[in-house]
């Protein structure tokens, strides 16, 4: 069932180096968004939630990775495991307006 959603996409988180993704044709590394780190607790789960948001919206592999990175960025900046101020709309807007850390 998940093959229909995820297809042949592969994502590997690289910590402070960002994420590597492969969509069946393109392999690329995206750096993370700049952020201060309050806690790393929940950052991996947040990344996955951003990916799933992208998949559910029919986004391409790179946009899914950007949503995952954005969700991780908000989790890293929060001392709690879940940043309750983040919404799907906020993640989408953030990825459309903010540049990745270079």
C-alpha atoms as a PDB file:
ATOM      1  CA  UNK A   1       0.000   0.000   0.000  1.00  0.00           C
ATOM      2  CA  UNK A   2       2.776   2.443   0.853  1.00  0.00           C
ATOM      3  CA  UNK A   3       4.499   1.734  -2.470  1.00  0.00           C
ATOM      4  CA  UNK A   4       1.654   3.553  -4.171  1.00  0.00           C
ATOM      5  CA  UNK A   5       2.286   6.602  -1.993  1.00  0.00           C
ATOM      6  CA  UNK A   6       6.063   6.545  -1.714  1.00  0.00           C
ATOM      7  CA  UNK A   7       6.840   4.934  -5.076  1.00  0.00           C
ATOM      8  CA  UNK A   8      10.566   4.492  -5.565  1.00  0.00           C
ATOM      9  CA  UNK A   9      11.578   7.526  -3.520  1.00  0.00           C
ATOM     10  CA  UNK A  10      14.350   7.220  -0.945  1.00  0.00           C
ATOM     11  CA  UNK A  11      15.222   9.816   1.685  1.00  0.00           C
ATOM     12  CA  UNK A  12      18.262   9.706   3.983  1.00  0.00           C
ATOM     13  CA  UNK A  13      18.571  12.345   6.672  1.00  0.00           C
ATOM     14  CA  UNK A  14      22.108  13.630   7.154  1.00  0.00           C
ATOM     15  CA  UNK A  15      21.763  15.589  10.394  1.00  0.00           C
ATOM     16  CA  UNK A  16      23.336  19.020  10.076  1.00  0.00           C
ATOM     17  CA  UNK A  17      24.146  18.250   6.418  1.00  0.00           C
ATOM     18  CA  UNK A  18      20.446  18.109   5.437  1.00  0.00           C
ATOM     19  CA  UNK A  19      18.876  15.293   3.424  1.00  0.00           C
ATOM     20  CA  UNK A  20      19.797  13.133   0.450  1.00  0.00           C
ATOM     21  CA  UNK A  21      16.939  12.001  -1.756  1.00  0.00           C
ATOM     22  CA  UNK A  22      16.484   9.808  -4.801  1.00  0.00           C
ATOM     23  CA  UNK A  23      13.246   9.831  -6.796  1.00  0.00           C
ATOM     24  CA  UNK A  24      14.016   7.062  -9.285  1.00  0.00           C
ATOM     25  CA  UNK A  25      15.836   9.457 -11.618  1.00  0.00           C
ATOM     26  CA  UNK A  26      17.406  12.302  -9.660  1.00  0.00           C
ATOM     27  CA  UNK A  27      19.704  12.019  -6.660  1.00  0.00           C
ATOM     28  CA  UNK A  28      20.433  15.219  -4.752  1.00  0.00           C
ATOM     29  CA  UNK A  29      21.435  16.569  -1.358  1.00  0.00           C
ATOM     30  CA  UNK A  30      19.544  19.509   0.108  1.00  0.00           C
ATOM     31  CA  UNK A  31      21.103  21.477   2.967  1.00  0.00           C
ATOM     32  CA  UNK A  32      18.944  22.220   6.003  1.00  0.00           C
ATOM     33  CA  UNK A  33      17.171  25.470   6.781  1.00  0.00           C
ATOM     34  CA  UNK A  34      19.139  27.658   9.198  1.00  0.00           C
ATOM     35  CA  UNK A  35      17.928  27.427  12.776  1.00  0.00           C
ATOM     36  CA  UNK A  36      18.909  27.570  16.391  1.00  0.00           C
ATOM     37  CA  UNK A  37      18.811  24.230  18.171  1.00  0.00           C
ATOM     38  CA  UNK A  38      16.909  24.013  21.435  1.00  0.00           C
ATOM     39  CA  UNK A  39      16.548  20.201  21.334  1.00  0.00           C
ATOM     40  CA  UNK A  40      16.894  17.437  18.768  1.00  0.00           C
ATOM     41  CA  UNK A  41      14.061  15.467  20.358  1.00  0.00           C
ATOM     42  CA  UNK A  42      11.334  14.839  17.772  1.00  0.00           C
ATOM     43  CA  UNK A  43      13.292  16.166  14.783  1.00  0.00           C
ATOM     44  CA  UNK A  44      13.262  12.826  12.919  1.00  0.00           C
ATOM     45  CA  UNK A  45       9.556  12.324  13.509  1.00  0.00           C
ATOM     46  CA  UNK A  46       8.924  15.891  12.370  1.00  0.00           C
ATOM     47  CA  UNK A  47      10.935  15.274   9.190  1.00  0.00           C
ATOM     48  CA  UNK A  48       8.780  12.245   8.412  1.00  0.00           C
ATOM     49  CA  UNK A  49       5.594  14.233   9.041  1.00  0.00           C
ATOM     50  CA  UNK A  50       6.747  16.850   6.525  1.00  0.00           C
ATOM     51  CA  UNK A  51       7.455  14.126   3.956  1.00  0.00           C
ATOM     52  CA  UNK A  52       4.022  12.625   4.445  1.00  0.00           C
ATOM     53  CA  UNK A  53       2.444  16.070   4.074  1.00  0.00           C
ATOM     54  CA  UNK A  54       4.252  16.488   0.758  1.00  0.00           C
ATOM     55  CA  UNK A  55       3.220  13.038  -0.464  1.00  0.00           C
ATOM     56  CA  UNK A  56      -0.397  13.678   0.491  1.00  0.00           C
ATOM     57  CA  UNK A  57      -0.353  16.919  -1.519  1.00  0.00           C
ATOM     58  CA  UNK A  58       1.172  15.210  -4.572  1.00  0.00           C
ATOM     59  CA  UNK A  59       4.430  17.185  -4.336  1.00  0.00           C
ATOM     60  CA  UNK A  60       7.586  16.103  -6.165  1.00  0.00           C
ATOM     61  CA  UNK A  61      10.481  14.465  -4.290  1.00  0.00           C
ATOM     62  CA  UNK A  62      12.415  17.703  -3.773  1.00  0.00           C
ATOM     63  CA  UNK A  63       9.400  19.595  -2.440  1.00  0.00           C
ATOM     64  CA  UNK A  64       8.653  16.686  -0.086  1.00  0.00           C
ATOM     65  CA  UNK A  65      12.240  16.864   1.185  1.00  0.00           C
ATOM     66  CA  UNK A  66      11.900  20.628   1.705  1.00  0.00           C
ATOM     67  CA  UNK A  67       8.715  20.114   3.743  1.00  0.00           C
ATOM     68  CA  UNK A  68      10.522  17.484   5.826  1.00  0.00           C
ATOM     69  CA  UNK A  69      13.454  19.831   6.411  1.00  0.00           C
ATOM     70  CA  UNK A  70      11.089  22.648   7.364  1.00  0.00           C
ATOM     71  CA  UNK A  71       9.263  20.453   9.872  1.00  0.00           C
ATOM     72  CA  UNK A  72      12.610  19.371  11.358  1.00  0.00           C
ATOM     73  CA  UNK A  73      13.726  22.990  11.600  1.00  0.00           C
ATOM     74  CA  UNK A  74      10.673  23.890  13.676  1.00  0.00           C
ATOM     75  CA  UNK A  75      11.168  20.821  15.885  1.00  0.00           C
ATOM     76  CA  UNK A  76      14.840  21.649  16.476  1.00  0.00           C
ATOM     77  CA  UNK A  77      13.935  25.167  17.587  1.00  0.00           C
ATOM     78  CA  UNK A  78      11.498  23.913  20.216  1.00  0.00           C
ATOM     79  CA  UNK A  79      12.468  22.537  23.635  1.00  0.00           C
ATOM     80  CA  UNK A  80       9.531  20.124  23.588  1.00  0.00           C
ATOM     81  CA  UNK A  81       9.203  16.979  21.464  1.00  0.00           C
ATOM     82  CA  UNK A  82       6.319  18.473  19.463  1.00  0.00           C
ATOM     83  CA  UNK A  83       6.101  22.094  18.346  1.00  0.00           C
ATOM     84  CA  UNK A  84       2.369  22.662  18.645  1.00  0.00           C
ATOM     85  CA  UNK A  85       2.543  25.997  16.797  1.00  0.00           C
ATOM     86  CA  UNK A  86       3.386  24.364  13.456  1.00  0.00           C
ATOM     87  CA  UNK A  87       0.606  23.692  10.958  1.00  0.00           C
ATOM     88  CA  UNK A  88       0.601  22.272   7.439  1.00  0.00           C
ATOM     89  CA  UNK A  89      -0.126  25.762   6.134  1.00  0.00           C
ATOM     90  CA  UNK A  90       2.821  27.217   8.041  1.00  0.00           C
ATOM     91  CA  UNK A  91       5.191  24.561   6.642  1.00  0.00           C
ATOM     92  CA  UNK A  92       4.011  25.141   3.080  1.00  0.00           C
ATOM     93  CA  UNK A  93       4.350  28.911   3.417  1.00  0.00           C
ATOM     94  CA  UNK A  94       7.797  28.553   5.015  1.00  0.00           C
ATOM     95  CA  UNK A  95       9.142  26.385   2.160  1.00  0.00           C
ATOM     96  CA  UNK A  96       7.835  28.890  -0.382  1.00  0.00           C
ATOM     97  CA  UNK A  97       9.450  31.914   1.273  1.00  0.00           C
ATOM     98  CA  UNK A  98      12.627  30.719   3.001  1.00  0.00           C
ATOM     99  CA  UNK A  99      15.909  29.705   1.372  1.00  0.00           C
ATOM    100  CA  UNK A 100      17.822  26.613   2.379  1.00  0.00           C
ATOM    101  CA  UNK A 101      21.028  27.142   4.363  1.00  0.00           C
ATOM    102  CA  UNK A 102      23.985  27.252   1.991  1.00  0.00           C
END
